[in-house]
PDB file of N, CA and C in Angstrom:
ATOM      1  N   UNK A   1     141.066 -85.559 -47.290  1.00  0.00           N
ATOM      2  CA  UNK A   1     140.711 -86.655 -47.849  1.00  0.00           C
ATOM      3  C   UNK A   1     142.833 -86.661 -48.710  1.00  0.00           C
ATOM      4  N   UNK A   2     143.820 -86.589 -47.942  1.00  0.00           N
ATOM      5  CA  UNK A   2     145.640 -86.758 -48.374  1.00  0.00           C
ATOM      6  C   UNK A   2     145.571 -88.233 -48.386  1.00  0.00           C
ATOM      7  N   UNK A   3     146.380 -88.267 -48.752  1.00  0.00           N
ATOM      8  CA  UNK A   3     147.265 -89.884 -49.141  1.00  0.00           C
ATOM      9  C   UNK A   3     148.326 -89.373 -48.590  1.00  0.00           C
ATOM     10  N   UNK A   4     149.637 -90.412 -47.735  1.00  0.00           N
ATOM     11  CA  UNK A   4     150.219 -90.478 -47.324  1.00  0.00           C
ATOM     12  C   UNK A   4     150.966 -91.315 -48.398  1.00  0.00           C
ATOM     13  N   UNK A   5     152.510 -90.682 -48.421  1.00  0.00           N
ATOM     14  CA  UNK A   5     153.327 -91.636 -48.656  1.00  0.00           C
ATOM     15  C   UNK A   5     153.940 -91.355 -50.292  1.00  0.00           C
ATOM     16  N   UNK A   6     153.435 -90.294 -50.804  1.00  0.00           N
ATOM     17  CA  UNK A   6     153.596 -90.034 -51.899  1.00  0.00           C
ATOM     18  C   UNK A   6     154.821 -88.777 -52.486  1.00  0.00           C
ATOM     19  N   UNK A   7     155.032 -88.658 -53.298  1.00  0.00           N
ATOM     20  CA  UNK A   7     156.789 -87.974 -53.209  1.00  0.00           C
ATOM     21  C   UNK A   7     156.240 -87.140 -54.297  1.00  0.00           C
ATOM     22  N   UNK A   8     155.959 -87.081 -55.543  1.00  0.00           N
ATOM     23  CA  UNK A   8     155.726 -86.275 -56.619  1.00  0.00           C
ATOM     24  C   UNK A   8     154.631 -86.495 -57.367  1.00  0.00           C
ATOM     25  N   UNK A   9     153.803 -85.366 -57.744  1.00  0.00           N
ATOM     26  CA  UNK A   9     152.394 -85.774 -57.771  1.00  0.00           C
ATOM     27  C   UNK A   9     152.422 -84.760 -59.288  1.00  0.00           C
ATOM     28  N   UNK A  10     151.758 -85.152 -59.486  1.00  0.00           N
ATOM     29  CA  UNK A  10     151.139 -83.903 -61.099  1.00  0.00           C
ATOM     30  C   UNK A  10     150.692 -82.871 -61.401  1.00  0.00           C
ATOM     31  N   UNK A  11     150.426 -81.372 -61.427  1.00  0.00           N
ATOM     32  CA  UNK A  11     149.473 -80.593 -61.202  1.00  0.00           C
ATOM     33  C   UNK A  11     149.692 -80.326 -62.392  1.00  0.00           C
ATOM     34  N   UNK A  12     147.894 -80.582 -63.505  1.00  0.00           N
ATOM     35  CA  UNK A  12     146.930 -80.067 -64.181  1.00  0.00           C
ATOM     36  C   UNK A  12     146.746 -78.854 -64.410  1.00  0.00           C
ATOM     37  N   UNK A  13     146.928 -77.741 -65.921  1.00  0.00           N
ATOM     38  CA  UNK A  13     145.611 -76.489 -65.263  1.00  0.00           C
ATOM     39  C   UNK A  13     145.822 -76.640 -66.416  1.00  0.00           C
ATOM     40  N   UNK A  14     144.275 -76.029 -66.785  1.00  0.00           N
ATOM     41  CA  UNK A  14     143.816 -76.138 -67.734  1.00  0.00           C
ATOM     42  C   UNK A  14     142.323 -74.206 -68.635  1.00  0.00           C
ATOM     43  N   UNK A  15     143.658 -73.727 -68.517  1.00  0.00           N
ATOM     44  CA  UNK A  15     142.667 -72.528 -69.182  1.00  0.00           C
ATOM     45  C   UNK A  15     141.848 -72.296 -70.364  1.00  0.00           C
ATOM     46  N   UNK A  16     140.626 -72.188 -70.021  1.00  0.00           N
ATOM     47  CA  UNK A  16     139.905 -72.248 -71.380  1.00  0.00           C
ATOM     48  C   UNK A  16     139.639 -71.317 -70.826  1.00  0.00           C
ATOM     49  N   UNK A  17     138.746 -70.269 -72.041  1.00  0.00           N
ATOM     50  CA  UNK A  17     138.576 -68.720 -72.022  1.00  0.00           C
ATOM     51  C   UNK A  17     137.496 -68.460 -71.155  1.00  0.00           C
ATOM     52  N   UNK A  18     136.739 -69.146 -70.621  1.00  0.00           N
ATOM     53  CA  UNK A  18     136.037 -68.789 -69.540  1.00  0.00           C
ATOM     54  C   UNK A  18     136.138 -69.220 -67.714  1.00  0.00           C
ATOM     55  N   UNK A  19     137.429 -70.612 -67.956  1.00  0.00           N
ATOM     56  CA  UNK A  19     136.854 -71.399 -66.868  1.00  0.00           C
ATOM     57  C   UNK A  19     138.816 -71.464 -66.406  1.00  0.00           C
ATOM     58  N   UNK A  20     138.949 -71.599 -65.232  1.00  0.00           N
ATOM     59  CA  UNK A  20     139.959 -72.216 -65.335  1.00  0.00           C
ATOM     60  C   UNK A  20     139.636 -73.986 -64.314  1.00  0.00           C
ATOM     61  N   UNK A  21     140.217 -74.934 -64.606  1.00  0.00           N
ATOM     62  CA  UNK A  21     140.659 -76.620 -64.137  1.00  0.00           C
ATOM     63  C   UNK A  21     142.010 -76.738 -63.802  1.00  0.00           C
ATOM     64  N   UNK A  22     141.742 -77.102 -62.572  1.00  0.00           N
ATOM     65  CA  UNK A  22     143.089 -77.466 -61.498  1.00  0.00           C
ATOM     66  C   UNK A  22     142.379 -78.918 -60.853  1.00  0.00           C
ATOM     67  N   UNK A  23     143.631 -79.583 -61.842  1.00  0.00           N
ATOM     68  CA  UNK A  23     143.870 -80.766 -60.820  1.00  0.00           C
ATOM     69  C   UNK A  23     144.405 -81.286 -60.711  1.00  0.00           C
ATOM     70  N   UNK A  24     145.123 -82.215 -60.066  1.00  0.00           N
ATOM     71  CA  UNK A  24     146.199 -82.843 -58.800  1.00  0.00           C
ATOM     72  C   UNK A  24     146.250 -83.652 -58.737  1.00  0.00           C
ATOM     73  N   UNK A  25     146.640 -85.267 -59.611  1.00  0.00           N
ATOM     74  CA  UNK A  25     146.767 -86.325 -59.772  1.00  0.00           C
ATOM     75  C   UNK A  25     148.420 -86.910 -59.301  1.00  0.00           C
ATOM     76  N   UNK A  26     148.744 -88.445 -59.153  1.00  0.00           N
ATOM     77  CA  UNK A  26     149.335 -88.550 -58.952  1.00  0.00           C
ATOM     78  C   UNK A  26     149.874 -89.394 -60.390  1.00  0.00           C
ATOM     79  N   UNK A  27     151.357 -90.242 -59.525  1.00  0.00           N
ATOM     80  CA  UNK A  27     151.893 -90.047 -61.899  1.00  0.00           C
ATOM     81  C   UNK A  27     151.595 -90.836 -62.868  1.00  0.00           C
ATOM     82  N   UNK A  28     150.305 -91.800 -62.260  1.00  0.00           N
ATOM     83  CA  UNK A  28     150.003 -92.492 -63.609  1.00  0.00           C
ATOM     84  C   UNK A  28     148.070 -92.506 -63.269  1.00  0.00           C
ATOM     85  N   UNK A  29     147.979 -91.235 -63.012  1.00  0.00           N
ATOM     86  CA  UNK A  29     147.057 -90.587 -63.216  1.00  0.00           C
ATOM     87  C   UNK A  29     145.859 -90.396 -62.883  1.00  0.00           C
ATOM     88  N   UNK A  30     145.470 -90.566 -61.435  1.00  0.00           N
ATOM     89  CA  UNK A  30     144.290 -90.970 -61.071  1.00  0.00           C
ATOM     90  C   UNK A  30     144.452 -89.391 -59.806  1.00  0.00           C
ATOM     91  N   UNK A  31     143.363 -89.274 -60.065  1.00  0.00           N
ATOM     92  CA  UNK A  31     142.863 -87.605 -59.601  1.00  0.00           C
ATOM     93  C   UNK A  31     142.570 -87.843 -58.288  1.00  0.00           C
ATOM     94  N   UNK A  32     143.303 -86.735 -58.102  1.00  0.00           N
ATOM     95  CA  UNK A  32     143.500 -86.941 -55.863  1.00  0.00           C
ATOM     96  C   UNK A  32     142.971 -85.317 -55.469  1.00  0.00           C
ATOM     97  N   UNK A  33     143.112 -84.676 -56.594  1.00  0.00           N
ATOM     98  CA  UNK A  33     142.579 -83.129 -56.425  1.00  0.00           C
ATOM     99  C   UNK A  33     141.978 -82.280 -57.011  1.00  0.00           C
ATOM    100  N   UNK A  34     141.014 -81.428 -57.406  1.00  0.00           N
ATOM    101  CA  UNK A  34     140.290 -81.284 -57.660  1.00  0.00           C
ATOM    102  C   UNK A  34     139.299 -80.046 -57.699  1.00  0.00           C
ATOM    103  N   UNK A  35     139.810 -78.612 -58.059  1.00  0.00           N
ATOM    104  CA  UNK A  35     138.876 -77.089 -58.721  1.00  0.00           C
ATOM    105  C   UNK A  35     138.666 -76.682 -59.664  1.00  0.00           C
ATOM    106  N   UNK A  36     138.074 -75.773 -59.440  1.00  0.00           N
ATOM    107  CA  UNK A  36     137.845 -74.607 -60.758  1.00  0.00           C
ATOM    108  C   UNK A  36     137.278 -73.135 -59.793  1.00  0.00           C
ATOM    109  N   UNK A  37     137.347 -72.134 -60.954  1.00  0.00           N
ATOM    110  CA  UNK A  37     137.269 -70.601 -60.931  1.00  0.00           C
ATOM    111  C   UNK A  37     135.277 -71.044 -60.331  1.00  0.00           C
ATOM    112  N   UNK A  38     134.383 -72.015 -61.524  1.00  0.00           N
ATOM    113  CA  UNK A  38     133.155 -71.796 -61.444  1.00  0.00           C
ATOM    114  C   UNK A  38     132.556 -72.906 -60.048  1.00  0.00           C
ATOM    115  N   UNK A  39     133.476 -73.841 -59.162  1.00  0.00           N
ATOM    116  CA  UNK A  39     133.098 -74.333 -58.108  1.00  0.00           C
ATOM    117  C   UNK A  39     133.452 -73.257 -56.099  1.00  0.00           C
ATOM    118  N   UNK A  40     134.479 -72.409 -56.559  1.00  0.00           N
ATOM    119  CA  UNK A  40     134.583 -70.836 -56.148  1.00  0.00           C
ATOM    120  C   UNK A  40     133.513 -70.222 -55.503  1.00  0.00           C
ATOM    121  N   UNK A  41     131.982 -70.508 -56.338  1.00  0.00           N
ATOM    122  CA  UNK A  41     131.270 -69.015 -56.319  1.00  0.00           C
ATOM    123  C   UNK A  41     131.854 -68.297 -57.602  1.00  0.00           C
ATOM    124  N   UNK A  42     133.022 -68.070 -58.707  1.00  0.00           N
ATOM    125  CA  UNK A  42     132.682 -67.228 -59.248  1.00  0.00           C
ATOM    126  C   UNK A  42     131.909 -67.016 -60.340  1.00  0.00           C
ATOM    127  N   UNK A  43     131.194 -66.725 -60.953  1.00  0.00           N
ATOM    128  CA  UNK A  43     130.324 -66.144 -62.244  1.00  0.00           C
ATOM    129  C   UNK A  43     130.569 -65.180 -63.513  1.00  0.00           C
ATOM    130  N   UNK A  44     130.151 -65.453 -65.013  1.00  0.00           N
ATOM    131  CA  UNK A  44     130.229 -65.066 -66.233  1.00  0.00           C
ATOM    132  C   UNK A  44     132.392 -64.556 -65.970  1.00  0.00           C
ATOM    133  N   UNK A  45     132.891 -63.576 -65.963  1.00  0.00           N
ATOM    134  CA  UNK A  45     134.476 -63.080 -66.394  1.00  0.00           C
ATOM    135  C   UNK A  45     134.804 -62.999 -65.654  1.00  0.00           C
ATOM    136  N   UNK A  46     134.087 -62.761 -64.615  1.00  0.00           N
ATOM    137  CA  UNK A  46     135.161 -63.059 -62.803  1.00  0.00           C
ATOM    138  C   UNK A  46     136.201 -63.800 -62.785  1.00  0.00           C
ATOM    139  N   UNK A  47     135.911 -65.233 -63.814  1.00  0.00           N
ATOM    140  CA  UNK A  47     136.395 -66.748 -62.971  1.00  0.00           C
ATOM    141  C   UNK A  47     137.785 -66.315 -63.703  1.00  0.00           C
ATOM    142  N   UNK A  48     138.266 -65.581 -64.562  1.00  0.00           N
ATOM    143  CA  UNK A  48     139.071 -65.749 -65.516  1.00  0.00           C
ATOM    144  C   UNK A  48     140.565 -65.152 -64.890  1.00  0.00           C
ATOM    145  N   UNK A  49     140.187 -63.462 -63.886  1.00  0.00           N
ATOM    146  CA  UNK A  49     141.270 -62.785 -63.025  1.00  0.00           C
ATOM    147  C   UNK A  49     142.046 -63.336 -62.332  1.00  0.00           C
ATOM    148  N   UNK A  50     142.916 -62.595 -62.459  1.00  0.00           N
ATOM    149  CA  UNK A  50     144.636 -62.880 -61.607  1.00  0.00           C
ATOM    150  C   UNK A  50     144.082 -63.152 -59.835  1.00  0.00           C
ATOM    151  N   UNK A  51     142.936 -62.509 -59.102  1.00  0.00           N
ATOM    152  CA  UNK A  51     142.651 -62.566 -58.111  1.00  0.00           C
ATOM    153  C   UNK A  51     142.000 -64.607 -57.747  1.00  0.00           C
ATOM    154  N   UNK A  52     140.345 -64.835 -58.517  1.00  0.00           N
ATOM    155  CA  UNK A  52     140.329 -66.260 -58.699  1.00  0.00           C
ATOM    156  C   UNK A  52     141.839 -66.994 -59.146  1.00  0.00           C
ATOM    157  N   UNK A  53     142.953 -66.989 -60.202  1.00  0.00           N
ATOM    158  CA  UNK A  53     143.795 -67.894 -60.288  1.00  0.00           C
ATOM    159  C   UNK A  53     145.021 -67.564 -59.091  1.00  0.00           C
ATOM    160  N   UNK A  54     145.031 -66.998 -57.798  1.00  0.00           N
ATOM    161  CA  UNK A  54     145.659 -66.623 -57.477  1.00  0.00           C
ATOM    162  C   UNK A  54     144.598 -66.973 -55.882  1.00  0.00           C
ATOM    163  N   UNK A  55     143.722 -67.547 -55.421  1.00  0.00           N
ATOM    164  CA  UNK A  55     142.620 -68.165 -55.255  1.00  0.00           C
ATOM    165  C   UNK A  55     142.403 -69.022 -55.549  1.00  0.00           C
ATOM    166  N   UNK A  56     142.185 -70.225 -55.915  1.00  0.00           N
ATOM    167  CA  UNK A  56     142.649 -71.290 -56.549  1.00  0.00           C
ATOM    168  C   UNK A  56     144.221 -71.758 -56.251  1.00  0.00           C
ATOM    169  N   UNK A  57     144.978 -71.100 -56.530  1.00  0.00           N
ATOM    170  CA  UNK A  57     146.345 -72.137 -56.172  1.00  0.00           C
ATOM    171  C   UNK A  57     147.040 -71.849 -55.014  1.00  0.00           C
ATOM    172  N   UNK A  58     145.625 -71.013 -54.525  1.00  0.00           N
ATOM    173  CA  UNK A  58     146.662 -71.303 -52.693  1.00  0.00           C
ATOM    174  C   UNK A  58     145.682 -72.511 -52.197  1.00  0.00           C
ATOM    175  N   UNK A  59     145.020 -72.941 -52.264  1.00  0.00           N
ATOM    176  CA  UNK A  59     143.744 -73.809 -52.338  1.00  0.00           C
ATOM    177  C   UNK A  59     144.458 -75.182 -52.942  1.00  0.00           C
ATOM    178  N   UNK A  60     145.394 -75.309 -53.761  1.00  0.00           N
ATOM    179  CA  UNK A  60     146.345 -76.298 -53.968  1.00  0.00           C
ATOM    180  C   UNK A  60     147.531 -76.327 -53.088  1.00  0.00           C
ATOM    181  N   UNK A  61     148.100 -75.164 -53.177  1.00  0.00           N
ATOM    182  CA  UNK A  61     148.950 -75.609 -52.470  1.00  0.00           C
ATOM    183  C   UNK A  61     149.282 -75.863 -50.336  1.00  0.00           C
ATOM    184  N   UNK A  62     147.487 -75.412 -50.368  1.00  0.00           N
ATOM    185  CA  UNK A  62     146.859 -76.266 -48.465  1.00  0.00           C
ATOM    186  C   UNK A  62     146.938 -77.624 -48.775  1.00  0.00           C
ATOM    187  N   UNK A  63     146.821 -78.394 -49.966  1.00  0.00           N
ATOM    188  CA  UNK A  63     145.929 -79.917 -50.220  1.00  0.00           C
ATOM    189  C   UNK A  63     147.447 -80.259 -50.301  1.00  0.00           C
ATOM    190  N   UNK A  64     148.191 -80.113 -50.878  1.00  0.00           N
ATOM    191  CA  UNK A  64     149.590 -79.865 -50.970  1.00  0.00           C
ATOM    192  C   UNK A  64     150.578 -80.316 -49.809  1.00  0.00           C
ATOM    193  N   UNK A  65     150.222 -79.441 -48.695  1.00  0.00           N
ATOM    194  CA  UNK A  65     150.696 -79.074 -47.852  1.00  0.00           C
ATOM    195  C   UNK A  65     150.552 -80.235 -46.595  1.00  0.00           C
ATOM    196  N   UNK A  66     148.682 -80.090 -46.423  1.00  0.00           N
ATOM    197  CA  UNK A  66     148.495 -81.546 -45.726  1.00  0.00           C
ATOM    198  C   UNK A  66     148.867 -82.836 -46.061  1.00  0.00           C
ATOM    199  N   UNK A  67     149.579 -82.932 -47.221  1.00  0.00           N
ATOM    200  CA  UNK A  67     150.517 -84.222 -48.269  1.00  0.00           C
ATOM    201  C   UNK A  67     151.346 -84.565 -47.730  1.00  0.00           C
ATOM    202  N   UNK A  68     151.601 -83.414 -47.324  1.00  0.00           N
ATOM    203  CA  UNK A  68     153.697 -83.482 -47.237  1.00  0.00           C
ATOM    204  C   UNK A  68     154.392 -84.253 -48.658  1.00  0.00           C
ATOM    205  N   UNK A  69     153.775 -83.428 -49.572  1.00  0.00           N
ATOM    206  CA  UNK A  69     153.938 -83.533 -51.224  1.00  0.00           C
ATOM    207  C   UNK A  69     154.761 -82.465 -51.453  1.00  0.00           C
ATOM    208  N   UNK A  70     156.483 -83.125 -52.270  1.00  0.00           N
ATOM    209  CA  UNK A  70     157.143 -81.622 -52.044  1.00  0.00           C
ATOM    210  C   UNK A  70     157.597 -81.458 -53.583  1.00  0.00           C
ATOM    211  N   UNK A  71     157.547 -82.875 -54.452  1.00  0.00           N
ATOM    212  CA  UNK A  71     158.129 -81.990 -55.776  1.00  0.00           C
ATOM    213  C   UNK A  71     157.027 -82.144 -56.293  1.00  0.00           C
ATOM    214  N   UNK A  72     157.027 -81.373 -57.697  1.00  0.00           N
ATOM    215  CA  UNK A  72     155.436 -81.433 -58.578  1.00  0.00           C
ATOM    216  C   UNK A  72     155.935 -81.616 -60.095  1.00  0.00           C
ATOM    217  N   UNK A  73     155.179 -82.379 -61.085  1.00  0.00           N
ATOM    218  CA  UNK A  73     155.315 -81.851 -62.153  1.00  0.00           C
ATOM    219  C   UNK A  73     153.992 -81.332 -62.320  1.00  0.00           C
ATOM    220  N   UNK A  74     154.582 -79.687 -63.601  1.00  0.00           N
ATOM    221  CA  UNK A  74     153.239 -78.639 -64.112  1.00  0.00           C
ATOM    222  C   UNK A  74     153.302 -78.984 -65.214  1.00  0.00           C
ATOM    223  N   UNK A  75     151.951 -79.097 -65.847  1.00  0.00           N
ATOM    224  CA  UNK A  75     151.269 -79.514 -66.811  1.00  0.00           C
ATOM    225  C   UNK A  75     150.244 -77.979 -67.119  1.00  0.00           C
ATOM    226  N   UNK A  76     150.526 -77.013 -67.983  1.00  0.00           N
ATOM    227  CA  UNK A  76     150.279 -76.349 -68.776  1.00  0.00           C
ATOM    228  C   UNK A  76     149.570 -76.811 -69.599  1.00  0.00           C
ATOM    229  N   UNK A  77     147.439 -76.390 -69.935  1.00  0.00           N
ATOM    230  CA  UNK A  77     147.514 -76.271 -70.663  1.00  0.00           C
ATOM    231  C   UNK A  77     146.223 -74.717 -71.395  1.00  0.00           C
ATOM    232  N   UNK A  78     146.496 -74.404 -72.679  1.00  0.00           N
ATOM    233  CA  UNK A  78     144.710 -73.201 -72.634  1.00  0.00           C
ATOM    234  C   UNK A  78     145.877 -72.412 -73.152  1.00  0.00           C
ATOM    235  N   UNK A  79     145.144 -71.768 -73.448  1.00  0.00           N
ATOM    236  CA  UNK A  79     145.799 -69.919 -73.660  1.00  0.00           C
ATOM    237  C   UNK A  79     145.456 -68.849 -72.225  1.00  0.00           C
ATOM    238  N   UNK A  80     145.831 -67.777 -72.222  1.00  0.00           N
ATOM    239  CA  UNK A  80     146.130 -66.772 -70.403  1.00  0.00           C
ATOM    240  C   UNK A  80     147.495 -66.212 -70.868  1.00  0.00           C
ATOM    241  N   UNK A  81     146.835 -64.858 -70.319  1.00  0.00           N
ATOM    242  CA  UNK A  81     147.717 -64.175 -69.794  1.00  0.00           C
ATOM    243  C   UNK A  81     148.115 -64.350 -68.151  1.00  0.00           C
ATOM    244  N   UNK A  82     147.995 -65.179 -67.406  1.00  0.00           N
ATOM    245  CA  UNK A  82     148.071 -65.933 -66.542  1.00  0.00           C
ATOM    246  C   UNK A  82     149.419 -67.096 -65.835  1.00  0.00           C
ATOM    247  N   UNK A  83     149.498 -67.163 -67.506  1.00  0.00           N
ATOM    248  CA  UNK A  83     150.900 -68.242 -66.982  1.00  0.00           C
ATOM    249  C   UNK A  83     151.796 -68.236 -66.280  1.00  0.00           C
ATOM    250  N   UNK A  84     151.943 -67.119 -66.594  1.00  0.00           N
ATOM    251  CA  UNK A  84     153.196 -66.688 -65.840  1.00  0.00           C
ATOM    252  C   UNK A  84     152.733 -65.943 -64.448  1.00  0.00           C
ATOM    253  N   UNK A  85     152.215 -65.804 -64.361  1.00  0.00           N
ATOM    254  CA  UNK A  85     152.346 -65.631 -62.472  1.00  0.00           C
ATOM    255  C   UNK A  85     151.880 -66.692 -61.670  1.00  0.00           C
ATOM    256  N   UNK A  86     151.407 -67.976 -62.933  1.00  0.00           N
ATOM    257  CA  UNK A  86     151.117 -69.945 -62.449  1.00  0.00           C
ATOM    258  C   UNK A  86     152.319 -69.667 -61.260  1.00  0.00           C
ATOM    259  N   UNK A  87     153.432 -69.587 -62.693  1.00  0.00           N
ATOM    260  CA  UNK A  87     154.643 -69.904 -63.168  1.00  0.00           C
ATOM    261  C   UNK A  87     155.806 -69.333 -61.546  1.00  0.00           C
ATOM    262  N   UNK A  88     154.858 -67.981 -61.366  1.00  0.00           N
ATOM    263  CA  UNK A  88     156.285 -67.353 -60.053  1.00  0.00           C
ATOM    264  C   UNK A  88     155.746 -67.689 -58.508  1.00  0.00           C
ATOM    265  N   UNK A  89     154.682 -67.905 -58.728  1.00  0.00           N
ATOM    266  CA  UNK A  89     153.809 -68.301 -57.328  1.00  0.00           C
ATOM    267  C   UNK A  89     153.428 -69.915 -57.260  1.00  0.00           C
ATOM    268  N   UNK A  90     154.472 -70.940 -58.431  1.00  0.00           N
ATOM    269  CA  UNK A  90     155.375 -71.820 -57.401  1.00  0.00           C
ATOM    270  C   UNK A  90     156.260 -71.917 -57.908  1.00  0.00           C
ATOM    271  N   UNK A  91     157.313 -70.983 -58.181  1.00  0.00           N
ATOM    272  CA  UNK A  91     158.330 -70.915 -58.366  1.00  0.00           C
ATOM    273  C   UNK A  91     158.965 -70.194 -56.455  1.00  0.00           C
ATOM    274  N   UNK A  92     157.943 -69.385 -55.832  1.00  0.00           N
ATOM    275  CA  UNK A  92     158.589 -69.229 -54.676  1.00  0.00           C
ATOM    276  C   UNK A  92     158.072 -69.872 -53.916  1.00  0.00           C
ATOM    277  N   UNK A  93     157.418 -70.811 -53.770  1.00  0.00           N
ATOM    278  CA  UNK A  93     156.448 -71.213 -53.073  1.00  0.00           C
ATOM    279  C   UNK A  93     158.305 -72.845 -52.704  1.00  0.00           C
ATOM    280  N   UNK A  94     157.822 -73.551 -51.868  1.00  0.00           N
ATOM    281  CA  UNK A  94     158.868 -74.015 -51.160  1.00  0.00           C
ATOM    282  C   UNK A  94     158.849 -76.160 -51.879  1.00  0.00           C
ATOM    283  N   UNK A  95     157.935 -75.642 -52.918  1.00  0.00           N
ATOM    284  CA  UNK A  95     157.917 -76.997 -53.921  1.00  0.00           C
ATOM    285  C   UNK A  95     158.884 -77.272 -55.100  1.00  0.00           C
ATOM    286  N   UNK A  96     159.684 -78.867 -55.103  1.00  0.00           N
ATOM    287  CA  UNK A  96     160.418 -78.728 -55.852  1.00  0.00           C
ATOM    288  C   UNK A  96     159.256 -79.050 -56.666  1.00  0.00           C
ATOM    289  N   UNK A  97     160.487 -78.054 -57.877  1.00  0.00           N
ATOM    290  CA  UNK A  97     159.012 -78.293 -59.232  1.00  0.00           C
ATOM    291  C   UNK A  97     160.031 -79.528 -60.452  1.00  0.00           C
ATOM    292  N   UNK A  98     159.724 -80.379 -60.787  1.00  0.00           N
ATOM    293  CA  UNK A  98     160.622 -81.433 -61.072  1.00  0.00           C
ATOM    294  C   UNK A  98     160.521 -80.824 -62.900  1.00  0.00           C
ATOM    295  N   UNK A  99     159.724 -80.528 -63.867  1.00  0.00           N
ATOM    296  CA  UNK A  99     159.268 -80.204 -64.999  1.00  0.00           C
ATOM    297  C   UNK A  99     157.819 -79.444 -65.295  1.00  0.00           C
ATOM    298  N   UNK A 100     158.077 -78.682 -66.605  1.00  0.00           N
ATOM    299  CA  UNK A 100     156.381 -77.683 -67.066  1.00  0.00           C
ATOM    300  C   UNK A 100     156.764 -78.547 -68.280  1.00  0.00           C
ATOM    301  N   UNK A 101     155.573 -78.023 -68.971  1.00  0.00           N
ATOM    302  CA  UNK A 101     155.737 -78.909 -70.104  1.00  0.00           C
ATOM    303  C   UNK A 101     154.175 -77.864 -70.002  1.00  0.00           C
ATOM    304  N   UNK A 102     154.285 -77.736 -71.461  1.00  0.00           N
ATOM    305  CA  UNK A 102     152.665 -76.507 -71.819  1.00  0.00           C
ATOM    306  C   UNK A 102     152.909 -76.519 -72.902  1.00  0.00           C
ATOM    307  N   UNK A 103     150.813 -77.154 -73.045  1.00  0.00           N
ATOM    308  CA  UNK A 103     150.498 -78.137 -73.706  1.00  0.00           C
ATOM    309  C   UNK A 103     149.365 -76.788 -75.404  1.00  0.00           C
ATOM    310  N   UNK A 104     150.110 -75.966 -75.417  1.00  0.00           N
ATOM    311  CA  UNK A 104     149.065 -74.355 -75.637  1.00  0.00           C
ATOM    312  C   UNK A 104     148.988 -75.042 -77.294  1.00  0.00           C
ATOM    313  N   UNK A 105     148.398 -75.565 -78.163  1.00  0.00           N
ATOM    314  CA  UNK A 105     148.282 -75.436 -79.603  1.00  0.00           C
ATOM    315  C   UNK A 105     148.594 -74.031 -80.309  1.00  0.00           C
ATOM    316  N   UNK A 106     149.358 -74.243 -80.409  1.00  0.00           N
ATOM    317  CA  UNK A 106     149.832 -72.479 -81.503  1.00  0.00           C
ATOM    318  C   UNK A 106     149.808 -73.134 -83.337  1.00  0.00           C
ATOM    319  N   UNK A 107     148.815 -72.491 -83.879  1.00  0.00           N
ATOM    320  CA  UNK A 107     148.233 -72.860 -85.342  1.00  0.00           C
ATOM    321  C   UNK A 107     149.545 -72.237 -86.763  1.00  0.00           C
ATOM    322  N   UNK A 108     150.501 -73.056 -86.697  1.00  0.00           N
ATOM    323  CA  UNK A 108     151.513 -72.238 -87.557  1.00  0.00           C
ATOM    324  C   UNK A 108     151.323 -72.260 -89.307  1.00  0.00           C
ATOM    325  N   UNK A 109     150.650 -71.548 -89.146  1.00  0.00           N
ATOM    326  CA  UNK A 109     150.201 -70.582 -90.648  1.00  0.00           C
ATOM    327  C   UNK A 109     148.768 -70.520 -91.304  1.00  0.00           C
ATOM    328  N   UNK A 110     148.506 -72.139 -90.754  1.00  0.00           N
ATOM    329  CA  UNK A 110     146.985 -72.926 -91.511  1.00  0.00           C
ATOM    330  C   UNK A 110     147.064 -73.142 -92.239  1.00  0.00           C
ATOM    331  N   UNK A 111     145.263 -72.588 -92.687  1.00  0.00           N
ATOM    332  CA  UNK A 111     145.214 -72.541 -94.173  1.00  0.00           C
ATOM    333  C   UNK A 111     145.140 -71.530 -94.802  1.00  0.00           C
ATOM    334  N   UNK A 112     145.092 -71.126 -96.110  1.00  0.00           N
ATOM    335  CA  UNK A 112     145.656 -70.487 -96.822  1.00  0.00           C
ATOM    336  C   UNK A 112     144.030 -69.610 -96.866  1.00  0.00           C
ATOM    337  N   UNK A 113     143.836 -68.120 -96.470  1.00  0.00           N
ATOM    338  CA  UNK A 113     142.657 -67.399 -97.020  1.00  0.00           C
ATOM    339  C   UNK A 113     143.015 -67.444 -98.927  1.00  0.00           C
ATOM    340  N   UNK A 114     140.824 -67.217 -99.007  1.00  0.00           N
ATOM    341  CA  UNK A 114     140.498 -67.329-100.205  1.00  0.00           C
ATOM    342  C   UNK A 114     141.069 -66.004-100.661  1.00  0.00           C
ATOM    343  N   UNK A 115     141.028 -66.443-102.088  1.00  0.00           N
ATOM    344  CA  UNK A 115     141.554 -65.168-102.687  1.00  0.00           C
ATOM    345  C   UNK A 115     139.711 -63.853-103.162  1.00  0.00           C
ATOM    346  N   UNK A 116     140.076 -62.419-102.698  1.00  0.00           N
ATOM    347  CA  UNK A 116     139.408 -61.405-102.819  1.00  0.00           C
ATOM    348  C   UNK A 116     138.645 -61.918-104.477  1.00  0.00           C
ATOM    349  N   UNK A 117     137.320 -61.468-104.215  1.00  0.00           N
ATOM    350  CA  UNK A 117     136.354 -61.510-105.176  1.00  0.00           C
ATOM    351  C   UNK A 117     136.251 -60.098-105.722  1.00  0.00           C
ATOM    352  N   UNK A 118     136.272 -60.157-106.768  1.00  0.00           N
ATOM    353  CA  UNK A 118     137.404 -58.492-108.129  1.00  0.00           C
ATOM    354  C   UNK A 118     135.952 -58.026-107.989  1.00  0.00           C
ATOM    355  N   UNK A 119     134.500 -57.434-107.955  1.00  0.00           N
ATOM    356  CA  UNK A 119     133.453 -57.813-109.243  1.00  0.00           C
ATOM    357  C   UNK A 119     133.192 -55.901-109.798  1.00  0.00           C
TER     358      UNK A 119
END
């Protein structure tokens, strides 16, 4: 399903420990297209590899080409080493990246560890 007259979209990519979820939404947040590593029949640890990430991004680029969308707001969530590869992939494509947000929650020292008990 291609929706016309869209100038820019948001691309949300969530990297979990054992899956990658991608959604394309309009600026207001209505979901236009989604895909995940699990929907590509990848099971187990094969879901978070580089090849599945690139195949998912290929699907997203194909959808954006059909919809004739040129501008992207990129939103990355979670922890994964493939974030840099995703950024490279979109920089080498013909899309204009308007903004990049990285919402990875990092702990800032956190709670103090308990004192060791000597017996």
